[in-house]
Amino acid sequence: MTQYPYSSFLLSIFLIILLLFAGCSVNNDGFDDTGYSIENNESQLQVRLTETDQEITIQSTSEQAAKRVGPPSFTLNLIAEIDAPVVNGVITQATMVDIFGNSARAAVSYNVQGSDYIGAIDAIQVTSSPRNAIRVRSGIQFTNAKSNALYMDGNQLWIAQATNDPSITLDGTNSVARKFGVSGFSINDNPVHVSVQGFAANSIHKSDGSIYITSGSNAGLTILNQDLTEQIDFVPIPHARWVDTDDSRIVVLSGNPNTGSGTLHVLDKSDRSVLHEYPFSGADTPEAKNTVEIKGDLAVVAAGQSGTHLIDLNNGELLATIPVPDADALELNPNAVESNAASADEEIIFISNGEAGVYVAEASRDLNLYSTGDQLSVELLGYLKFDDFQSANHVAYRNKTLFVAAGLGGVKAVKLSGK
């Protein structure tokens, strides 16, 4: 048997310990992050903002009015439109809007289609006094990354991106998460970045001091501390597309083009063990956006061409489905009509259906308070009639305010009243 010197034995033990702890921290060194510029001059950003006060009608989707229980119990007013930023001469497209809790803060992410790695961010304030209005307070432009999703709280901004920057992709991954500090509504020039496993980080969420990131077909769910300096866990979930959490659960939506179905993965928040896995129809378009929002014991799932599903998180029961619009009746390409995102608050659900636009439905009860076993029904009210038709990539609805990420058409802000 080969004999090893005592010093060599100690060195071997030391190296093993280093390897054991290597997975607990992340390497942020060796990255010269010059591929961004921050704009905190509000007057420069307001050029892209158009304020308005236009009532938005809800057009019925049925020719037989008797099928509807009654007219909508609320009114909608378009209060502002934000043009998408132009970066390096390229018009970006709005990919997501995040509304932070019950605050007046919101933020928008932008990217571009194709091989260019270009993106942007807008930080927005929603005001109600002396009138309903939107202000674009600060922004970031990126020349080395696409901004696919984001999360903003009162002091920090986290962004999920895809990048071709070789200083990030040396390990073979194309994803990056970035964090910027925020003072008031000004973005600080103190970014932190971390490389994330997967081709493209496609959703990001913060809860209880942790950052949750999904990253596409070849990765899963990455969990980091909020400073992006430590990896807490990695859960392999192929084709992971979106993540949301509540007090006790992590819910990840995955969609597999090979099987033609999606899955809700319900994980225990404390130890990431699998509580449930619920398959559902849809979420199978390659590289498409699909979202999940937790409402009480309910998941509101935008599932592509199979529509929007309301699924009980405790037993997997499909409580309701809101179908996608009839593309042929609208004279649209069926591939351009699918439920990309759905956002709900109280009884109201807004759905972005691609080139078919934004649809609205009303539930029979406050979805935020739904508990397993409650009776629930949903009525599709119709679609929002905007003067200039745009493709709808994402919707976010909170505090009686609806934001529509309308791709190359930028962002639309709508206020709900009367309910």
Protein backbone atom coordinates (compact mmCIF):
# COMPACT_ATOMS: atom_id res chain seq x y z
CA MET A 1 0.00 0.00 0.00
CA THR A 2 1.38 3.42 -0.93
CA GLN A 3 2.43 5.52 2.07
CA TYR A 4 1.71 9.29 2.06
CA PRO A 5 3.63 11.84 4.13
CA TYR A 6 1.62 13.38 6.97
CA SER A 7 1.85 16.87 5.36
CA SER A 8 0.36 15.51 2.14
CA PHE A 9 -2.48 13.95 4.10
CA LEU A 10 -3.25 17.31 5.74
CA LEU A 11 -3.15 19.04 2.35
CA SER A 12 -5.62 16.51 0.94
CA ILE A 13 -8.02 17.08 3.84
CA PHE A 14 -7.73 20.86 3.36
CA LEU A 15 -8.53 20.58 -0.33
CA ILE A 16 -11.57 18.41 0.40
CA ILE A 17 -12.86 21.00 2.88
CA LEU A 18 -12.41 23.74 0.30
CA LEU A 19 -14.39 21.75 -2.24
CA LEU A 20 -17.18 21.16 0.25
CA PHE A 21 -17.54 24.86 0.91
CA ALA A 22 -17.04 26.00 -2.68
CA GLY A 23 -20.72 25.52 -3.48
CA CYS A 24 -21.81 27.85 -0.68
CA SER A 25 -20.36 31.06 -2.11
CA VAL A 26 -20.30 32.56 -5.56
CA ASN A 27 -17.45 34.14 -7.46
CA ASN A 28 -18.03 37.77 -8.38
CA ASP A 29 -14.40 38.48 -9.24
CA GLY A 30 -12.87 39.16 -12.63
CA PHE A 31 -15.85 41.01 -14.09
CA ASP A 32 -15.36 44.53 -15.39
CA ASP A 33 -19.01 45.58 -15.61
CA THR A 34 -18.84 48.46 -18.09
CA GLY A 35 -21.77 47.32 -20.22
CA TYR A 36 -24.38 49.56 -18.60
CA SER A 37 -25.26 53.21 -18.09
CA ILE A 38 -27.56 54.71 -15.44
CA GLU A 39 -29.90 57.63 -16.05
CA ASN A 40 -31.25 59.41 -12.97
CA ASN A 41 -32.20 62.62 -14.77
CA GLU A 42 -35.97 62.39 -14.77
CA SER A 43 -36.39 65.07 -17.41
CA GLN A 44 -34.44 62.92 -19.88
CA LEU A 45 -36.65 59.92 -19.17
CA GLN A 46 -39.97 61.75 -19.25
CA VAL A 47 -39.51 62.34 -23.00
CA ARG A 48 -40.70 58.76 -23.51
CA LEU A 49 -43.79 59.28 -21.34
CA THR A 50 -47.19 60.32 -22.70
CA GLU A 51 -49.85 61.14 -20.12
CA THR A 52 -53.48 60.67 -21.06
CA ASP A 53 -56.92 60.15 -19.58
CA GLN A 54 -58.69 57.79 -21.94
CA GLU A 55 -61.44 55.39 -20.96
CA ILE A 56 -60.69 51.85 -22.06
CA THR A 57 -63.75 49.87 -23.02
CA ILE A 58 -64.11 46.16 -22.41
CA GLN A 59 -65.30 44.48 -25.58
CA SER A 60 -67.39 41.35 -25.09
CA THR A 61 -65.99 38.18 -26.61
CA SER A 62 -69.47 36.75 -27.13
CA GLU A 63 -72.00 37.79 -29.73
CA GLN A 64 -74.73 36.61 -27.37
CA ALA A 65 -74.90 39.17 -24.58
CA ALA A 66 -77.18 36.88 -22.57
CA LYS A 67 -74.22 34.63 -21.87
CA ARG A 68 -72.74 37.40 -19.73
CA VAL A 69 -73.98 37.77 -16.18
CA GLY A 70 -73.84 41.55 -16.40
CA PRO A 71 -71.66 44.50 -17.33
CA PRO A 72 -68.26 44.96 -15.65
CA SER A 73 -68.50 46.36 -12.13
CA PHE A 74 -65.62 48.77 -12.76
CA THR A 75 -64.19 51.21 -15.27
CA LEU A 76 -60.70 51.43 -16.75
CA ASN A 77 -58.74 54.54 -17.75
CA LEU A 78 -55.47 54.63 -19.66
CA ILE A 79 -53.40 57.20 -17.74
CA ALA A 80 -49.98 56.88 -19.39
CA GLU A 81 -47.92 55.22 -22.10
CA ILE A 82 -44.14 54.76 -21.99
CA ASP A 83 -42.18 54.29 -25.20
CA ALA A 84 -39.60 51.51 -25.14
CA PRO A 85 -36.00 52.77 -24.77
CA VAL A 86 -33.68 52.87 -27.76
CA VAL A 87 -30.27 51.37 -26.93
CA ASN A 88 -27.40 51.60 -29.42
CA GLY A 89 -29.92 52.55 -32.08
CA VAL A 90 -32.08 49.48 -31.42
CA ILE A 91 -35.67 49.72 -30.15
CA THR A 92 -36.08 47.42 -27.17
CA GLN A 93 -39.26 45.55 -26.22
CA ALA A 94 -40.98 45.54 -22.82
CA THR A 95 -40.76 42.06 -21.30
CA MET A 96 -42.11 42.42 -17.74
CA VAL A 97 -43.49 44.88 -15.19
CA ASP A 98 -43.07 44.32 -11.46
CA ILE A 99 -45.23 46.17 -8.92
CA PHE A 100 -43.74 46.14 -5.45
CA GLY A 101 -46.38 45.12 -2.93
CA ASN A 102 -48.73 47.92 -1.90
CA SER A 103 -46.19 50.65 -2.60
CA ALA A 104 -46.18 53.21 -5.38
CA ARG A 105 -43.16 51.56 -6.99
CA ALA A 106 -42.98 49.63 -10.23
CA ALA A 107 -40.21 48.67 -12.63
CA VAL A 108 -40.04 47.51 -16.25
CA SER A 109 -37.54 45.23 -17.99
CA TYR A 110 -36.71 45.40 -21.71
CA ASN A 111 -34.77 43.18 -24.12
CA VAL A 112 -34.46 42.61 -27.87
CA GLN A 113 -35.13 39.63 -30.07
CA GLY A 114 -32.34 38.00 -32.01
CA SER A 115 -28.62 37.73 -31.37
CA ASP A 116 -28.02 41.21 -29.92
CA TYR A 117 -27.53 41.32 -26.15
CA ILE A 118 -29.22 44.63 -25.38
CA GLY A 119 -31.61 45.55 -22.60
CA ALA A 120 -32.93 48.26 -20.31
CA ILE A 121 -34.76 48.99 -17.06
CA ASP A 122 -37.21 51.73 -16.04
CA ALA A 123 -38.03 52.57 -12.43
CA ILE A 124 -41.53 54.03 -12.16
CA GLN A 125 -43.55 55.91 -9.57
CA VAL A 126 -47.34 55.71 -9.47
CA THR A 127 -49.00 58.82 -8.04
CA SER A 128 -52.60 59.50 -7.06
CA SER A 129 -52.37 63.06 -5.74
CA PRO A 130 -53.29 65.51 -7.08
CA ARG A 131 -54.22 63.06 -9.89
CA ASN A 132 -53.50 59.59 -11.17
CA ALA A 133 -50.19 59.73 -13.00
CA ILE A 134 -47.00 57.85 -13.82
CA ARG A 135 -43.45 59.17 -13.54
CA VAL A 136 -40.35 57.49 -14.99
CA ARG A 137 -37.85 58.29 -12.27
CA SER A 138 -34.67 56.44 -13.29
CA GLY A 139 -33.36 53.84 -15.72
CA ILE A 140 -30.50 51.64 -16.87
CA GLN A 141 -29.39 50.68 -20.37
CA PHE A 142 -27.34 47.53 -21.04
CA THR A 143 -25.12 46.81 -24.03
CA ASN A 144 -24.03 43.34 -22.92
CA ALA A 145 -27.24 41.73 -21.62
CA LYS A 146 -30.94 41.21 -22.29
CA SER A 147 -33.15 42.09 -19.33
CA ASN A 148 -35.79 39.36 -19.12
CA ALA A 149 -37.32 39.94 -15.68
CA LEU A 150 -36.80 41.97 -12.53
CA TYR A 151 -37.84 42.56 -8.93
CA MET A 152 -37.67 45.90 -7.13
CA ASP A 153 -38.26 46.77 -3.48
CA GLY A 154 -37.71 50.01 -1.60
CA ASN A 155 -33.92 49.83 -1.56
CA GLN A 156 -32.72 47.41 -4.23
CA LEU A 157 -33.32 46.19 -7.76
CA TRP A 158 -32.56 42.66 -8.97
CA ILE A 159 -32.51 41.74 -12.68
CA ALA A 160 -32.56 38.36 -14.47
CA GLN A 161 -30.61 38.55 -17.70
CA ALA A 162 -29.06 36.64 -20.57
CA THR A 163 -25.61 37.74 -21.66
CA ASN A 164 -22.78 36.88 -24.04
CA ASP A 165 -20.17 38.69 -21.97
CA PRO A 166 -17.20 36.28 -21.83
CA SER A 167 -16.24 37.42 -18.33
CA ILE A 168 -19.55 35.94 -17.14
CA THR A 169 -19.89 32.97 -19.48
CA LEU A 170 -16.48 31.36 -18.92
CA ASP A 171 -18.24 28.48 -17.16
CA GLY A 172 -20.53 27.86 -20.13
CA THR A 173 -23.59 29.64 -18.84
CA ASN A 174 -25.36 32.53 -20.53
CA SER A 175 -27.23 33.84 -17.50
CA VAL A 176 -26.53 36.59 -15.03
CA ALA A 177 -28.33 38.12 -12.07
CA ARG A 178 -27.54 41.75 -11.22
CA LYS A 179 -28.34 43.85 -8.19
CA PHE A 180 -28.36 47.66 -8.00
CA GLY A 181 -29.01 49.75 -4.92
CA VAL A 182 -31.83 52.30 -5.01
CA SER A 183 -31.93 55.56 -3.03
CA GLY A 184 -35.38 57.04 -3.21
CA PHE A 185 -36.00 56.54 -6.91
CA SER A 186 -32.37 57.02 -7.97
CA ILE A 187 -30.42 53.94 -9.02
CA ASN A 188 -26.97 53.75 -7.44
CA ASP A 189 -23.85 52.96 -9.45
CA ASN A 190 -22.84 50.02 -7.25
CA PRO A 191 -23.85 46.85 -9.13
CA VAL A 192 -23.21 43.29 -8.01
CA HIS A 193 -23.44 40.42 -10.45
CA VAL A 194 -23.41 36.64 -10.27
CA SER A 195 -23.32 34.03 -13.00
CA VAL A 196 -26.38 31.76 -12.97
CA GLN A 197 -26.62 28.25 -14.40
CA GLY A 198 -28.77 28.07 -17.53
CA PHE A 199 -29.04 29.58 -20.99
CA ALA A 200 -31.23 32.50 -19.97
CA ALA A 201 -32.47 33.67 -16.59
CA ASN A 202 -36.19 34.18 -17.24
CA SER A 203 -37.76 35.09 -13.87
CA ILE A 204 -36.61 36.48 -10.54
CA HIS A 205 -38.33 36.90 -7.20
CA LYS A 206 -37.34 38.05 -3.71
CA SER A 207 -38.79 36.74 -0.45
CA ASP A 208 -37.53 36.62 3.14
CA GLY A 209 -34.03 37.76 2.21
CA SER A 210 -33.56 35.22 -0.59
CA ILE A 211 -33.51 35.66 -4.37
CA TYR A 212 -35.18 32.98 -6.50
CA ILE A 213 -34.20 32.69 -10.18
CA THR A 214 -35.43 30.33 -12.89
CA SER A 215 -33.23 29.83 -15.91
CA GLY A 216 -34.70 27.88 -18.73
CA SER A 217 -34.45 24.53 -20.40
CA ASN A 218 -31.06 23.35 -19.14
CA ALA A 219 -31.14 24.51 -15.53
CA GLY A 220 -33.74 25.02 -12.81
CA LEU A 221 -34.22 27.11 -9.68
CA THR A 222 -31.24 28.95 -8.21
CA ILE A 223 -31.61 30.41 -4.71
CA LEU A 224 -29.18 33.14 -3.62
CA ASN A 225 -28.92 35.48 -0.68
CA GLN A 226 -30.21 38.96 -1.45
CA ASP A 227 -26.67 40.34 -1.81
CA LEU A 228 -25.91 37.76 -4.54
CA THR A 229 -22.79 36.66 -2.67
CA GLU A 230 -23.92 33.19 -1.58
CA GLN A 231 -25.78 30.37 -3.28
CA ILE A 232 -28.25 28.87 -0.82
CA ASP A 233 -29.48 26.05 -3.03
CA PHE A 234 -30.00 24.85 -6.57
CA VAL A 235 -33.02 22.70 -7.51
CA PRO A 236 -32.76 21.08 -10.97
CA ILE A 237 -36.07 21.69 -12.78
CA PRO A 238 -35.66 21.41 -16.57
CA HIS A 239 -37.61 23.98 -18.59
CA ALA A 240 -38.23 26.18 -15.51
CA ARG A 241 -40.06 29.34 -16.63
CA TRP A 242 -41.36 31.24 -13.57
CA VAL A 243 -41.21 31.30 -9.77
CA ASP A 244 -43.37 32.75 -7.01
CA THR A 245 -43.47 32.21 -3.23
CA ASP A 246 -45.71 32.69 -0.23
CA ASP A 247 -44.99 32.27 3.49
CA SER A 248 -44.38 28.52 3.29
CA ARG A 249 -44.19 27.50 -0.37
CA ILE A 250 -42.07 27.98 -3.47
CA VAL A 251 -43.98 27.38 -6.70
CA VAL A 252 -42.06 26.89 -9.95
CA LEU A 253 -43.76 26.59 -13.33
CA SER A 254 -42.01 24.46 -15.92
CA GLY A 255 -43.10 23.77 -19.47
CA ASN A 256 -41.74 20.98 -21.63
CA PRO A 257 -42.09 21.33 -25.43
CA ASN A 258 -41.21 17.64 -25.81
CA THR A 259 -44.19 16.39 -23.78
CA GLY A 260 -46.71 19.11 -24.59
CA SER A 261 -47.43 19.78 -20.94
CA GLY A 262 -46.40 21.95 -18.04
CA THR A 263 -45.88 21.19 -14.36
CA LEU A 264 -46.38 23.12 -11.14
CA HIS A 265 -43.62 22.21 -8.71
CA VAL A 266 -44.67 23.04 -5.14
CA LEU A 267 -41.67 23.07 -2.79
CA ASP A 268 -41.34 23.53 0.94
CA LYS A 269 -39.82 26.96 1.48
CA SER A 270 -37.72 25.90 4.45
CA ASP A 271 -35.86 22.94 2.94
CA ARG A 272 -36.88 22.94 -0.78
CA SER A 273 -38.33 19.44 -0.51
CA VAL A 274 -41.01 18.58 -3.07
CA LEU A 275 -44.53 18.84 -1.63
CA HIS A 276 -46.46 18.33 -4.87
CA GLU A 277 -46.01 18.18 -8.62
CA TYR A 278 -49.10 18.92 -10.69
CA PRO A 279 -49.03 18.43 -14.47
CA PHE A 280 -51.31 20.57 -16.62
CA SER A 281 -52.01 21.13 -20.29
CA GLY A 282 -49.97 23.82 -22.01
CA ALA A 283 -46.85 25.91 -21.35
CA ASP A 284 -45.16 23.93 -24.12
CA THR A 285 -44.18 26.60 -26.66
CA PRO A 286 -40.37 26.65 -26.91
CA GLU A 287 -38.72 29.69 -25.23
CA ALA A 288 -42.10 31.29 -24.49
CA LYS A 289 -43.05 33.25 -21.38
CA ASN A 290 -45.44 31.57 -18.95
CA THR A 291 -46.15 32.83 -15.45
CA VAL A 292 -47.55 31.71 -12.12
CA GLU A 293 -48.96 33.87 -9.31
CA ILE A 294 -49.88 32.53 -5.87
CA LYS A 295 -53.23 33.75 -4.52
CA GLY A 296 -54.10 32.17 -1.18
CA ASP A 297 -54.14 28.42 -1.86
CA LEU A 298 -54.54 29.09 -5.56
CA ALA A 299 -52.09 29.28 -8.45
CA VAL A 300 -53.01 31.50 -11.40
CA VAL A 301 -51.13 29.94 -14.32
CA ALA A 302 -50.68 31.47 -17.78
CA ALA A 303 -50.26 28.28 -19.79
CA GLY A 304 -49.70 29.34 -23.38
CA GLN A 305 -52.12 28.04 -25.99
CA SER A 306 -54.15 26.12 -23.41
CA GLY A 307 -55.18 29.39 -21.74
CA THR A 308 -55.05 30.45 -18.11
CA HIS A 309 -55.58 27.83 -15.40
CA LEU A 310 -56.63 28.29 -11.77
CA ILE A 311 -55.12 25.34 -9.85
CA ASP A 312 -55.48 24.49 -6.16
CA LEU A 313 -52.01 24.27 -4.62
CA ASN A 314 -52.98 21.70 -1.99
CA ASN A 315 -54.63 19.08 -4.17
CA GLY A 316 -53.90 20.03 -7.80
CA GLU A 317 -57.58 20.46 -8.70
CA LEU A 318 -58.14 22.48 -11.86
CA LEU A 319 -60.80 24.91 -10.66
CA ALA A 320 -61.24 26.94 -13.84
CA THR A 321 -59.70 27.56 -17.24
CA ILE A 322 -59.93 30.81 -19.19
CA PRO A 323 -59.35 29.80 -22.84
CA VAL A 324 -57.19 31.69 -25.30
CA PRO A 325 -59.02 33.81 -27.89
CA ASP A 326 -59.99 32.30 -31.22
CA ALA A 327 -57.08 33.28 -33.48
CA ASP A 328 -58.98 32.45 -36.67
CA ALA A 329 -61.90 34.67 -35.67
CA LEU A 330 -59.44 37.48 -35.01
CA GLU A 331 -57.62 36.77 -38.29
CA LEU A 332 -54.38 36.22 -36.42
CA ASN A 333 -51.69 33.57 -36.67
CA PRO A 334 -52.51 30.95 -34.00
CA ASN A 335 -48.83 30.85 -33.03
CA ALA A 336 -49.08 34.51 -32.02
CA VAL A 337 -52.05 34.01 -29.68
CA GLU A 338 -51.31 32.41 -26.34
CA SER A 339 -51.50 33.30 -22.66
CA ASN A 340 -48.06 34.67 -21.81
CA ALA A 341 -48.86 36.09 -18.37
CA ALA A 342 -51.75 36.45 -15.95
CA SER A 343 -52.01 38.73 -12.93
CA ALA A 344 -54.80 38.85 -10.35
CA ASP A 345 -55.80 40.95 -7.37
CA GLU A 346 -59.01 40.57 -5.39
CA GLU A 347 -61.62 39.32 -7.94
CA ILE A 348 -60.03 40.66 -11.14
CA ILE A 349 -57.71 38.71 -13.46
CA PHE A 350 -55.88 40.30 -16.41
CA ILE A 351 -54.30 38.11 -19.07
CA SER A 352 -51.81 38.99 -21.81
CA ASN A 353 -52.67 36.93 -24.88
CA GLY A 354 -49.91 37.99 -27.28
CA GLU A 355 -51.18 39.64 -30.45
CA ALA A 356 -54.78 39.16 -29.29
CA GLY A 357 -54.09 41.74 -26.58
CA VAL A 358 -55.21 41.95 -22.95
CA TYR A 359 -58.25 40.09 -21.64
CA VAL A 360 -60.01 40.49 -18.29
CA ALA A 361 -61.99 38.03 -16.17
CA GLU A 362 -63.81 38.34 -12.86
CA ALA A 363 -63.86 35.65 -10.15
CA SER A 364 -66.77 34.96 -7.83
CA ARG A 365 -64.65 35.70 -4.75
CA ASP A 366 -61.50 37.53 -3.64
CA LEU A 367 -58.73 35.27 -4.93
CA ASN A 368 -56.26 36.56 -2.34
CA LEU A 369 -58.42 34.88 0.33
CA TYR A 370 -59.06 31.60 -1.48
CA SER A 371 -58.74 28.46 0.69
CA THR A 372 -58.91 24.87 -0.47
CA GLY A 373 -62.52 23.78 -0.63
CA ASP A 374 -63.97 27.21 -1.40
CA GLN A 375 -66.44 27.41 -4.26
CA LEU A 376 -65.04 29.39 -7.17
CA SER A 377 -66.22 30.37 -10.63
CA VAL A 378 -64.72 32.74 -13.19
CA GLU A 379 -66.41 34.81 -15.91
CA LEU A 380 -64.52 36.13 -18.93
CA LEU A 381 -65.63 39.74 -19.37
CA GLY A 382 -63.86 40.53 -22.63
CA TYR A 383 -60.78 42.26 -23.99
CA LEU A 384 -59.40 45.76 -23.49
CA LYS A 385 -59.88 47.96 -26.53
CA PHE A 386 -56.79 50.14 -27.02
CA ASP A 387 -56.66 52.61 -29.89
CA ASP A 388 -53.31 51.35 -31.12
CA PHE A 389 -53.22 47.57 -31.02
CA GLN A 390 -50.06 46.04 -29.53
CA SER A 391 -48.84 42.58 -28.69
CA ALA A 392 -49.11 41.91 -24.95
CA ASN A 393 -46.06 40.18 -23.44
CA HIS A 394 -46.82 40.63 -19.74
CA VAL A 395 -49.35 42.12 -17.34
CA ALA A 396 -49.03 43.17 -13.70
CA TYR A 397 -52.05 44.19 -11.63
CA ARG A 398 -51.96 45.53 -8.05
CA ASN A 399 -53.54 48.38 -6.10
CA LYS A 400 -56.13 49.12 -8.82
CA THR A 401 -53.30 49.72 -11.33
CA LEU A 402 -52.67 47.60 -14.41
CA PHE A 403 -49.39 47.69 -16.33
CA VAL A 404 -49.16 46.10 -19.76
CA ALA A 405 -45.73 45.25 -21.20
CA ALA A 406 -46.60 45.64 -24.88
CA GLY A 407 -43.34 44.57 -26.52
CA LEU A 408 -42.09 47.14 -29.02
CA GLY A 409 -45.11 49.24 -28.02
CA GLY A 410 -43.57 49.88 -24.61
CA VAL A 411 -45.75 50.06 -21.51
CA LYS A 412 -49.36 51.07 -20.87
CA ALA A 413 -50.59 52.11 -17.41
CA VAL A 414 -54.31 51.71 -16.65
CA LYS A 415 -56.23 52.66 -13.49
CA LEU A 416 -59.27 50.72 -12.33
CA SER A 417 -62.05 52.54 -10.49
CA GLY A 418 -65.59 51.97 -9.32
CA LYS A 419 -64.97 48.67 -7.58
